[in-house]
Structure formats: structure tokens, C-alpha cells
Amino acid sequence: GINLYDKPANALTMLRNQVLGKDL
């Protein structure tokens, strides 16, 4: 549950919100 669902979703949310920004 952690490695297939939660952690990838957490990672992509972090990438979108804090690293790249939503538009990019």
C-alpha cells in the first residue's frame, strides 16, 4: 500500500506543488 499507492502519489504531489509548479 505504501510503495505502490501512497509514496508515488506523495512524490508526484511534491514534484507538482513545490518543485516544478502546477503549470509546468
mmCIF file of all heavy atoms, coordinates in Angstrom:
data_MODEL
# 
_entry.id   MODEL 
# 
loop_
_atom_site.group_PDB 
_atom_site.id 
_atom_site.type_symbol 
_atom_site.label_atom_id 
_atom_site.label_alt_id 
_atom_site.label_comp_id 
_atom_site.label_asym_id 
_atom_site.label_entity_id 
_atom_site.label_seq_id 
_atom_site.pdbx_PDB_ins_code 
_atom_site.Cartn_x 
_atom_site.Cartn_y 
_atom_site.Cartn_z 
_atom_site.occupancy 
_atom_site.B_iso_or_equiv 
_atom_site.pdbx_formal_charge 
_atom_site.auth_seq_id 
_atom_site.auth_comp_id 
_atom_site.auth_asym_id 
_atom_site.auth_atom_id 
_atom_site.pdbx_PDB_model_num 
ATOM 1   N N   . GLY A 1 1  ? 0.811  -1.218 0.000   1.00 0.00 ? 1  GLY A N   1 
ATOM 2   C CA  . GLY A 1 1  ? 0.000  0.000  0.000   1.00 0.00 ? 1  GLY A CA  1 
ATOM 3   C C   . GLY A 1 1  ? 0.840  1.261  0.000   1.00 0.00 ? 1  GLY A C   1 
ATOM 4   O O   . GLY A 1 1  ? 0.476  2.259  -0.632  1.00 0.00 ? 1  GLY A O   1 
ATOM 5   N N   . ILE A 1 2  ? 1.964  1.230  0.708   1.00 0.00 ? 2  ILE A N   1 
ATOM 6   C CA  . ILE A 1 2  ? 2.824  2.408  0.781   1.00 0.00 ? 2  ILE A CA  1 
ATOM 7   C C   . ILE A 1 2  ? 3.552  2.636  -0.539  1.00 0.00 ? 2  ILE A C   1 
ATOM 8   O O   . ILE A 1 2  ? 3.519  3.727  -1.117  1.00 0.00 ? 2  ILE A O   1 
ATOM 9   C CB  . ILE A 1 2  ? 3.846  2.263  1.929   1.00 0.00 ? 2  ILE A CB  1 
ATOM 10  C CG1 . ILE A 1 2  ? 3.128  2.215  3.276   1.00 0.00 ? 2  ILE A CG1 1 
ATOM 11  C CG2 . ILE A 1 2  ? 4.865  3.408  1.883   1.00 0.00 ? 2  ILE A CG2 1 
ATOM 12  C CD1 . ILE A 1 2  ? 4.052  1.964  4.448   1.00 0.00 ? 2  ILE A CD1 1 
ATOM 13  N N   . ASN A 1 3  ? 4.229  1.606  -1.036  1.00 0.00 ? 3  ASN A N   1 
ATOM 14  C CA  . ASN A 1 3  ? 5.140  1.787  -2.171  1.00 0.00 ? 3  ASN A CA  1 
ATOM 15  C C   . ASN A 1 3  ? 4.467  1.777  -3.538  1.00 0.00 ? 3  ASN A C   1 
ATOM 16  O O   . ASN A 1 3  ? 5.037  2.293  -4.500  1.00 0.00 ? 3  ASN A O   1 
ATOM 17  C CB  . ASN A 1 3  ? 6.232  0.715  -2.129  1.00 0.00 ? 3  ASN A CB  1 
ATOM 18  C CG  . ASN A 1 3  ? 7.302  1.031  -1.109  1.00 0.00 ? 3  ASN A CG  1 
ATOM 19  O OD1 . ASN A 1 3  ? 7.456  2.178  -0.713  1.00 0.00 ? 3  ASN A OD1 1 
ATOM 20  N ND2 . ASN A 1 3  ? 8.035  0.032  -0.679  1.00 0.00 ? 3  ASN A ND2 1 
ATOM 21  N N   . LEU A 1 4  ? 3.298  1.173  -3.641  1.00 0.00 ? 4  LEU A N   1 
ATOM 22  C CA  . LEU A 1 4  ? 2.604  1.179  -4.923  1.00 0.00 ? 4  LEU A CA  1 
ATOM 23  C C   . LEU A 1 4  ? 1.612  2.326  -5.039  1.00 0.00 ? 4  LEU A C   1 
ATOM 24  O O   . LEU A 1 4  ? 1.392  2.849  -6.135  1.00 0.00 ? 4  LEU A O   1 
ATOM 25  C CB  . LEU A 1 4  ? 1.876  -0.154 -5.149  1.00 0.00 ? 4  LEU A CB  1 
ATOM 26  C CG  . LEU A 1 4  ? 2.662  -1.221 -5.934  1.00 0.00 ? 4  LEU A CG  1 
ATOM 27  C CD1 . LEU A 1 4  ? 3.950  -1.584 -5.207  1.00 0.00 ? 4  LEU A CD1 1 
ATOM 28  C CD2 . LEU A 1 4  ? 1.808  -2.461 -6.153  1.00 0.00 ? 4  LEU A CD2 1 
ATOM 29  N N   . TYR A 1 5  ? 1.030  2.727  -3.916  1.00 0.00 ? 5  TYR A N   1 
ATOM 30  C CA  . TYR A 1 5  ? -0.022 3.741  -3.942  1.00 0.00 ? 5  TYR A CA  1 
ATOM 31  C C   . TYR A 1 5  ? 0.439  5.075  -3.346  1.00 0.00 ? 5  TYR A C   1 
ATOM 32  O O   . TYR A 1 5  ? 0.492  6.093  -4.035  1.00 0.00 ? 5  TYR A O   1 
ATOM 33  C CB  . TYR A 1 5  ? -1.248 3.248  -3.165  1.00 0.00 ? 5  TYR A CB  1 
ATOM 34  C CG  . TYR A 1 5  ? -1.965 2.067  -3.757  1.00 0.00 ? 5  TYR A CG  1 
ATOM 35  C CD1 . TYR A 1 5  ? -1.441 0.782  -3.634  1.00 0.00 ? 5  TYR A CD1 1 
ATOM 36  C CD2 . TYR A 1 5  ? -3.188 2.216  -4.422  1.00 0.00 ? 5  TYR A CD2 1 
ATOM 37  C CE1 . TYR A 1 5  ? -2.103 -0.313 -4.164  1.00 0.00 ? 5  TYR A CE1 1 
ATOM 38  C CE2 . TYR A 1 5  ? -3.860 1.130  -4.946  1.00 0.00 ? 5  TYR A CE2 1 
ATOM 39  C CZ  . TYR A 1 5  ? -3.311 -0.141 -4.823  1.00 0.00 ? 5  TYR A CZ  1 
ATOM 40  O OH  . TYR A 1 5  ? -3.969 -1.225 -5.348  1.00 0.00 ? 5  TYR A OH  1 
ATOM 41  N N   . ASP A 1 6  ? 0.738  5.041  -2.040  1.00 0.00 ? 6  ASP A N   1 
ATOM 42  C CA  . ASP A 1 6  ? 0.899  6.290  -1.293  1.00 0.00 ? 6  ASP A CA  1 
ATOM 43  C C   . ASP A 1 6  ? 2.167  7.060  -1.643  1.00 0.00 ? 6  ASP A C   1 
ATOM 44  O O   . ASP A 1 6  ? 2.119  8.259  -1.927  1.00 0.00 ? 6  ASP A O   1 
ATOM 45  C CB  . ASP A 1 6  ? 0.883  6.003  0.213   1.00 0.00 ? 6  ASP A CB  1 
ATOM 46  C CG  . ASP A 1 6  ? -0.449 5.435  0.672   1.00 0.00 ? 6  ASP A CG  1 
ATOM 47  O OD1 . ASP A 1 6  ? -1.452 5.691  -0.013  1.00 0.00 ? 6  ASP A OD1 1 
ATOM 48  O OD2 . ASP A 1 6  ? -0.474 4.731  1.701   1.00 0.00 ? 6  ASP A OD2 1 
ATOM 49  N N   . LYS A 1 7  ? 3.313  6.395  -1.586  1.00 0.00 ? 7  LYS A N   1 
ATOM 50  C CA  . LYS A 1 7  ? 4.563  7.126  -1.762  1.00 0.00 ? 7  LYS A CA  1 
ATOM 51  C C   . LYS A 1 7  ? 4.714  7.735  -3.159  1.00 0.00 ? 7  LYS A C   1 
ATOM 52  O O   . LYS A 1 7  ? 5.137  8.892  -3.277  1.00 0.00 ? 7  LYS A O   1 
ATOM 53  C CB  . LYS A 1 7  ? 5.760  6.231  -1.432  1.00 0.00 ? 7  LYS A CB  1 
ATOM 54  C CG  . LYS A 1 7  ? 7.071  7.004  -1.358  1.00 0.00 ? 7  LYS A CG  1 
ATOM 55  C CD  . LYS A 1 7  ? 8.222  6.136  -0.864  1.00 0.00 ? 7  LYS A CD  1 
ATOM 56  C CE  . LYS A 1 7  ? 9.513  6.921  -0.784  1.00 0.00 ? 7  LYS A CE  1 
ATOM 57  N NZ  . LYS A 1 7  ? 10.645 6.105  -0.301  1.00 0.00 ? 7  LYS A NZ  1 
ATOM 58  N N   . PRO A 1 8  ? 4.379  7.002  -4.248  1.00 0.00 ? 8  PRO A N   1 
ATOM 59  C CA  . PRO A 1 8  ? 4.449  7.645  -5.563  1.00 0.00 ? 8  PRO A CA  1 
ATOM 60  C C   . PRO A 1 8  ? 3.502  8.837  -5.682  1.00 0.00 ? 8  PRO A C   1 
ATOM 61  O O   . PRO A 1 8  ? 3.853  9.850  -6.292  1.00 0.00 ? 8  PRO A O   1 
ATOM 62  C CB  . PRO A 1 8  ? 4.062  6.522  -6.531  1.00 0.00 ? 8  PRO A CB  1 
ATOM 63  C CG  . PRO A 1 8  ? 4.352  5.266  -5.791  1.00 0.00 ? 8  PRO A CG  1 
ATOM 64  C CD  . PRO A 1 8  ? 4.070  5.565  -4.359  1.00 0.00 ? 8  PRO A CD  1 
ATOM 65  N N   . ALA A 1 9  ? 2.301  8.710  -5.096  1.00 0.00 ? 9  ALA A N   1 
ATOM 66  C CA  . ALA A 1 9  ? 1.355  9.827  -5.124  1.00 0.00 ? 9  ALA A CA  1 
ATOM 67  C C   . ALA A 1 9  ? 1.898  11.004 -4.328  1.00 0.00 ? 9  ALA A C   1 
ATOM 68  O O   . ALA A 1 9  ? 1.783  12.165 -4.745  1.00 0.00 ? 9  ALA A O   1 
ATOM 69  C CB  . ALA A 1 9  ? 0.007  9.387  -4.569  1.00 0.00 ? 9  ALA A CB  1 
ATOM 70  N N   . ASN A 1 10 ? 2.504  10.728 -3.172  1.00 0.00 ? 10 ASN A N   1 
ATOM 71  C CA  . ASN A 1 10 ? 3.135  11.792 -2.384  1.00 0.00 ? 10 ASN A CA  1 
ATOM 72  C C   . ASN A 1 10 ? 4.243  12.472 -3.182  1.00 0.00 ? 10 ASN A C   1 
ATOM 73  O O   . ASN A 1 10 ? 4.361  13.704 -3.199  1.00 0.00 ? 10 ASN A O   1 
ATOM 74  C CB  . ASN A 1 10 ? 3.729  11.216 -1.096  1.00 0.00 ? 10 ASN A CB  1 
ATOM 75  C CG  . ASN A 1 10 ? 2.690  10.676 -0.144  1.00 0.00 ? 10 ASN A CG  1 
ATOM 76  O OD1 . ASN A 1 10 ? 1.517  11.023 -0.237  1.00 0.00 ? 10 ASN A OD1 1 
ATOM 77  N ND2 . ASN A 1 10 ? 3.107  9.823  0.767   1.00 0.00 ? 10 ASN A ND2 1 
ATOM 78  N N   . ALA A 1 11 ? 5.062  11.645 -3.826  1.00 0.00 ? 11 ALA A N   1 
ATOM 79  C CA  . ALA A 1 11 ? 6.199  12.181 -4.580  1.00 0.00 ? 11 ALA A CA  1 
ATOM 80  C C   . ALA A 1 11 ? 5.729  13.096 -5.711  1.00 0.00 ? 11 ALA A C   1 
ATOM 81  O O   . ALA A 1 11 ? 6.255  14.204 -5.892  1.00 0.00 ? 11 ALA A O   1 
ATOM 82  C CB  . ALA A 1 11 ? 7.031  11.033 -5.146  1.00 0.00 ? 11 ALA A CB  1 
ATOM 83  N N   . LEU A 1 12 ? 4.750  12.661 -6.486  1.00 0.00 ? 12 LEU A N   1 
ATOM 84  C CA  . LEU A 1 12 ? 4.289  13.468 -7.614  1.00 0.00 ? 12 LEU A CA  1 
ATOM 85  C C   . LEU A 1 12 ? 3.577  14.731 -7.143  1.00 0.00 ? 12 LEU A C   1 
ATOM 86  O O   . LEU A 1 12 ? 3.652  15.778 -7.801  1.00 0.00 ? 12 LEU A O   1 
ATOM 87  C CB  . LEU A 1 12 ? 3.380  12.637 -8.507  1.00 0.00 ? 12 LEU A CB  1 
ATOM 88  C CG  . LEU A 1 12 ? 4.068  11.450 -9.202  1.00 0.00 ? 12 LEU A CG  1 
ATOM 89  C CD1 . LEU A 1 12 ? 3.077  10.679 -10.053 1.00 0.00 ? 12 LEU A CD1 1 
ATOM 90  C CD2 . LEU A 1 12 ? 5.242  11.920 -10.050 1.00 0.00 ? 12 LEU A CD2 1 
ATOM 91  N N   . THR A 1 13 ? 2.887  14.648 -6.019  1.00 0.00 ? 13 THR A N   1 
ATOM 92  C CA  . THR A 1 13 ? 2.270  15.846 -5.454  1.00 0.00 ? 13 THR A CA  1 
ATOM 93  C C   . THR A 1 13 ? 3.343  16.852 -5.046  1.00 0.00 ? 13 THR A C   1 
ATOM 94  O O   . THR A 1 13 ? 3.217  18.061 -5.283  1.00 0.00 ? 13 THR A O   1 
ATOM 95  C CB  . THR A 1 13 ? 1.407  15.480 -4.234  1.00 0.00 ? 13 THR A CB  1 
ATOM 96  O OG1 . THR A 1 13 ? 0.371  14.583 -4.652  1.00 0.00 ? 13 THR A OG1 1 
ATOM 97  C CG2 . THR A 1 13 ? 0.763  16.715 -3.622  1.00 0.00 ? 13 THR A CG2 1 
ATOM 98  N N   . MET A 1 14 ? 4.408  16.358 -4.422  1.00 0.00 ? 14 MET A N   1 
ATOM 99  C CA  . MET A 1 14 ? 5.519  17.231 -4.045  1.00 0.00 ? 14 MET A CA  1 
ATOM 100 C C   . MET A 1 14 ? 6.191  17.826 -5.273  1.00 0.00 ? 14 MET A C   1 
ATOM 101 O O   . MET A 1 14 ? 6.529  19.022 -5.303  1.00 0.00 ? 14 MET A O   1 
ATOM 102 C CB  . MET A 1 14 ? 6.531  16.428 -3.219  1.00 0.00 ? 14 MET A CB  1 
ATOM 103 C CG  . MET A 1 14 ? 7.655  17.240 -2.616  1.00 0.00 ? 14 MET A CG  1 
ATOM 104 S SD  . MET A 1 14 ? 7.134  18.563 -1.491  1.00 0.00 ? 14 MET A SD  1 
ATOM 105 C CE  . MET A 1 14 ? 6.048  17.675 -0.357  1.00 0.00 ? 14 MET A CE  1 
ATOM 106 N N   . LEU A 1 15 ? 6.381  17.017 -6.310  1.00 0.00 ? 15 LEU A N   1 
ATOM 107 C CA  . LEU A 1 15 ? 7.001  17.492 -7.545  1.00 0.00 ? 15 LEU A CA  1 
ATOM 108 C C   . LEU A 1 15 ? 6.149  18.584 -8.185  1.00 0.00 ? 15 LEU A C   1 
ATOM 109 O O   . LEU A 1 15 ? 6.666  19.589 -8.677  1.00 0.00 ? 15 LEU A O   1 
ATOM 110 C CB  . LEU A 1 15 ? 7.192  16.326 -8.514  1.00 0.00 ? 15 LEU A CB  1 
ATOM 111 C CG  . LEU A 1 15 ? 7.933  16.609 -9.816  1.00 0.00 ? 15 LEU A CG  1 
ATOM 112 C CD1 . LEU A 1 15 ? 9.369  17.054 -9.553  1.00 0.00 ? 15 LEU A CD1 1 
ATOM 113 C CD2 . LEU A 1 15 ? 7.924  15.370 -10.717 1.00 0.00 ? 15 LEU A CD2 1 
ATOM 114 N N   . ARG A 1 16 ? 4.839  18.401 -8.148  1.00 0.00 ? 16 ARG A N   1 
ATOM 115 C CA  . ARG A 1 16 ? 3.920  19.376 -8.748  1.00 0.00 ? 16 ARG A CA  1 
ATOM 116 C C   . ARG A 1 16 ? 3.816  20.657 -7.927  1.00 0.00 ? 16 ARG A C   1 
ATOM 117 O O   . ARG A 1 16 ? 3.862  21.762 -8.470  1.00 0.00 ? 16 ARG A O   1 
ATOM 118 C CB  . ARG A 1 16 ? 2.532  18.748 -8.891  1.00 0.00 ? 16 ARG A CB  1 
ATOM 119 C CG  . ARG A 1 16 ? 1.489  19.640 -9.578  1.00 0.00 ? 16 ARG A CG  1 
ATOM 120 C CD  . ARG A 1 16 ? 0.183  18.877 -9.735  1.00 0.00 ? 16 ARG A CD  1 
ATOM 121 N NE  . ARG A 1 16 ? -0.772 19.584 -10.571 1.00 0.00 ? 16 ARG A NE  1 
ATOM 122 C CZ  . ARG A 1 16 ? -1.812 20.282 -10.101 1.00 0.00 ? 16 ARG A CZ  1 
ATOM 123 N NH1 . ARG A 1 16 ? -2.021 20.369 -8.788  1.00 0.00 ? 16 ARG A NH1 1 
ATOM 124 N NH2 . ARG A 1 16 ? -2.648 20.881 -10.936 1.00 0.00 ? 16 ARG A NH2 1 
ATOM 125 N N   . ASN A 1 17 ? 3.674  20.519 -6.639  1.00 0.00 ? 17 ASN A N   1 
ATOM 126 C CA  . ASN A 1 17 ? 3.380  21.684 -5.801  1.00 0.00 ? 17 ASN A CA  1 
ATOM 127 C C   . ASN A 1 17 ? 4.608  22.497 -5.415  1.00 0.00 ? 17 ASN A C   1 
ATOM 128 O O   . ASN A 1 17 ? 4.531  23.724 -5.326  1.00 0.00 ? 17 ASN A O   1 
ATOM 129 C CB  . ASN A 1 17 ? 2.657  21.251 -4.530  1.00 0.00 ? 17 ASN A CB  1 
ATOM 130 C CG  . ASN A 1 17 ? 1.254  20.738 -4.791  1.00 0.00 ? 17 ASN A CG  1 
ATOM 131 O OD1 . ASN A 1 17 ? 0.738  20.862 -5.896  1.00 0.00 ? 17 ASN A OD1 1 
ATOM 132 N ND2 . ASN A 1 17 ? 0.640  20.169 -3.785  1.00 0.00 ? 17 ASN A ND2 1 
ATOM 133 N N   . GLN A 1 18 ? 5.743  21.816 -5.175  1.00 0.00 ? 18 GLN A N   1 
ATOM 134 C CA  . GLN A 1 18 ? 6.877  22.512 -4.584  1.00 0.00 ? 18 GLN A CA  1 
ATOM 135 C C   . GLN A 1 18 ? 8.127  22.572 -5.451  1.00 0.00 ? 18 GLN A C   1 
ATOM 136 O O   . GLN A 1 18 ? 9.007  23.380 -5.184  1.00 0.00 ? 18 GLN A O   1 
ATOM 137 C CB  . GLN A 1 18 ? 7.239  21.843 -3.238  1.00 0.00 ? 18 GLN A CB  1 
ATOM 138 C CG  . GLN A 1 18 ? 6.106  21.758 -2.249  1.00 0.00 ? 18 GLN A CG  1 
ATOM 139 C CD  . GLN A 1 18 ? 5.511  23.103 -1.875  1.00 0.00 ? 18 GLN A CD  1 
ATOM 140 O OE1 . GLN A 1 18 ? 6.116  24.148 -2.091  1.00 0.00 ? 18 GLN A OE1 1 
ATOM 141 N NE2 . GLN A 1 18 ? 4.315  23.092 -1.317  1.00 0.00 ? 18 GLN A NE2 1 
ATOM 142 N N   . VAL A 1 19 ? 8.238  21.698 -6.445  1.00 0.00 ? 19 VAL A N   1 
ATOM 143 C CA  . VAL A 1 19 ? 9.469  21.660 -7.247  1.00 0.00 ? 19 VAL A CA  1 
ATOM 144 C C   . VAL A 1 19 ? 9.260  22.306 -8.613  1.00 0.00 ? 19 VAL A C   1 
ATOM 145 O O   . VAL A 1 19 ? 9.937  23.281 -8.970  1.00 0.00 ? 19 VAL A O   1 
ATOM 146 C CB  . VAL A 1 19 ? 9.976  20.209 -7.405  1.00 0.00 ? 19 VAL A CB  1 
ATOM 147 C CG1 . VAL A 1 19 ? 11.235 20.179 -8.285  1.00 0.00 ? 19 VAL A CG1 1 
ATOM 148 C CG2 . VAL A 1 19 ? 10.273 19.594 -6.042  1.00 0.00 ? 19 VAL A CG2 1 
ATOM 149 N N   . LEU A 1 20 ? 8.316  21.791 -9.396  1.00 0.00 ? 20 LEU A N   1 
ATOM 150 C CA  . LEU A 1 20 ? 8.109  22.303 -10.746 1.00 0.00 ? 20 LEU A CA  1 
ATOM 151 C C   . LEU A 1 20 ? 7.060  23.407 -10.818 1.00 0.00 ? 20 LEU A C   1 
ATOM 152 O O   . LEU A 1 20 ? 7.144  24.300 -11.660 1.00 0.00 ? 20 LEU A O   1 
ATOM 153 C CB  . LEU A 1 20 ? 7.689  21.163 -11.684 1.00 0.00 ? 20 LEU A CB  1 
ATOM 154 C CG  . LEU A 1 20 ? 8.732  20.089 -11.968 1.00 0.00 ? 20 LEU A CG  1 
ATOM 155 C CD1 . LEU A 1 20 ? 8.151  19.028 -12.896 1.00 0.00 ? 20 LEU A CD1 1 
ATOM 156 C CD2 . LEU A 1 20 ? 9.999  20.689 -12.562 1.00 0.00 ? 20 LEU A CD2 1 
ATOM 157 N N   . GLY A 1 21 ? 6.068  23.340 -9.958  1.00 0.00 ? 21 GLY A N   1 
ATOM 158 C CA  . GLY A 1 21 ? 4.914  24.227 -10.096 1.00 0.00 ? 21 GLY A CA  1 
ATOM 159 C C   . GLY A 1 21 ? 3.843  23.546 -10.927 1.00 0.00 ? 21 GLY A C   1 
ATOM 160 O O   . GLY A 1 21 ? 4.120  22.671 -11.749 1.00 0.00 ? 21 GLY A O   1 
ATOM 161 N N   . LYS A 1 22 ? 2.603  23.930 -10.697 1.00 0.00 ? 22 LYS A N   1 
ATOM 162 C CA  . LYS A 1 22 ? 1.477  23.225 -11.297 1.00 0.00 ? 22 LYS A CA  1 
ATOM 163 C C   . LYS A 1 22 ? 1.462  23.307 -12.821 1.00 0.00 ? 22 LYS A C   1 
ATOM 164 O O   . LYS A 1 22 ? 1.198  22.313 -13.498 1.00 0.00 ? 22 LYS A O   1 
ATOM 165 C CB  . LYS A 1 22 ? 0.172  23.757 -10.710 1.00 0.00 ? 22 LYS A CB  1 
ATOM 166 C CG  . LYS A 1 22 ? 0.044  23.494 -9.219  1.00 0.00 ? 22 LYS A CG  1 
ATOM 167 C CD  . LYS A 1 22 ? -1.234 24.079 -8.636  1.00 0.00 ? 22 LYS A CD  1 
ATOM 168 C CE  . LYS A 1 22 ? -1.306 23.799 -7.135  1.00 0.00 ? 22 LYS A CE  1 
ATOM 169 N NZ  . LYS A 1 22 ? -2.535 24.371 -6.531  1.00 0.00 ? 22 LYS A NZ  1 
ATOM 170 N N   . ASP A 1 23 ? 1.706  24.478 -13.376 1.00 0.00 ? 23 ASP A N   1 
ATOM 171 C CA  . ASP A 1 23 ? 1.610  24.635 -14.833 1.00 0.00 ? 23 ASP A CA  1 
ATOM 172 C C   . ASP A 1 23 ? 2.651  23.779 -15.548 1.00 0.00 ? 23 ASP A C   1 
ATOM 173 O O   . ASP A 1 23 ? 2.327  23.077 -16.522 1.00 0.00 ? 23 ASP A O   1 
ATOM 174 C CB  . ASP A 1 23 ? 1.778  26.102 -15.226 1.00 0.00 ? 23 ASP A CB  1 
ATOM 175 C CG  . ASP A 1 23 ? 0.600  26.969 -14.793 1.00 0.00 ? 23 ASP A CG  1 
ATOM 176 O OD1 . ASP A 1 23 ? -0.474 26.392 -14.497 1.00 0.00 ? 23 ASP A OD1 1 
ATOM 177 O OD2 . ASP A 1 23 ? 0.754  28.201 -14.734 1.00 0.00 ? 23 ASP A OD2 1 
ATOM 178 N N   . LEU A 1 24 ? 3.889  23.840 -15.093 1.00 0.00 ? 24 LEU A N   1 
ATOM 179 C CA  . LEU A 1 24 ? 4.961  23.091 -15.755 1.00 0.00 ? 24 LEU A CA  1 
ATOM 180 C C   . LEU A 1 24 ? 4.773  21.596 -15.563 1.00 0.00 ? 24 LEU A C   1 
ATOM 181 O O   . LEU A 1 24 ? 4.943  20.803 -16.502 1.00 0.00 ? 24 LEU A O   1 
ATOM 182 C CB  . LEU A 1 24 ? 6.315  23.535 -15.198 1.00 0.00 ? 24 LEU A CB  1 
ATOM 183 C CG  . LEU A 1 24 ? 7.556  23.061 -15.955 1.00 0.00 ? 24 LEU A CG  1 
ATOM 184 C CD1 . LEU A 1 24 ? 7.493  23.488 -17.416 1.00 0.00 ? 24 LEU A CD1 1 
ATOM 185 C CD2 . LEU A 1 24 ? 8.814  23.619 -15.291 1.00 0.00 ? 24 LEU A CD2 1 
# 
